[in-house]
Amino acid sequence: MARRVFFSFDYENVSDFRVNVVRNARFTNGESYFVDNSMWEKAKTKGEAALQKLIDDGLTGSSVTAVLIGSNTYGRKWVKYELIKSFTLGRGILGIHINRIKGKDQYIESKGPNPFECLRLTVDSEGKRIYFEELVDRKWREFKLFPDDNNKVSNTKHFSLGDKYNENQCGKTYKFSELGFRTRCWVNDNAKENLGSWIEEAVNSAGR
């Protein structure tokens, strides 16, 4: 069964062609591993509020969010928003390093930091809410999509849990990298053969 995957990426990696290699992989061997649910081409001339809505709409119906990790992806605010939003929606999440894919200049690039190391969450003492933070200049700070955010996008800053977390997790802080979201290399880990199984693994682990 084809899965609907939302791709999260630094748009610079579209212009250098690395993202396109991944997104076209659904045609490998004639198999349809996924349906691309990204919408950046439609968003180039949109304002930030419209872009946020396009992302939210794009995540609707998706099973998995795959962040395509280039050299600078970890610092992009929209990538952070997409990962946090995906978590709050209970989507499967995985990371794929694309630095070893040759760009349009036929060169590879340096491996970028893992975005899952740059986001973290804290469960409150009662286990009812989660608060999100981002790592900026080696310091953790509350994640805000917009600098003047006055609850405009409150669900990116905190998330109601209901009964999802147990008492042992109350008051605890976790990096996204500690939540079981795996990263792999497109080239070294042979994505052409294994992408489908990576997607299924992310779906299966989304229950938290």
Foldseek 3Di string as FASTA:
>chain_A
DAFAEEEAEDCVCVVQPLVVVVVPLCPQVHHRLYDYLYDVVVPPPPDPVVVVVSLVVSCVRGQEYEYEFEACGLPDLVSLLSVLVCLLVLHQYAYEYRQCPQTPVRDGHDTHDDNLQFKKWWQAQVRFKIAIWGQDPNDTDGRDSDPVDPVPPVSSGMHTDPPLDDNVRHGHMDRSVRLPHYYYYCPVVVCSPCVSVNNVVSSVSSSD
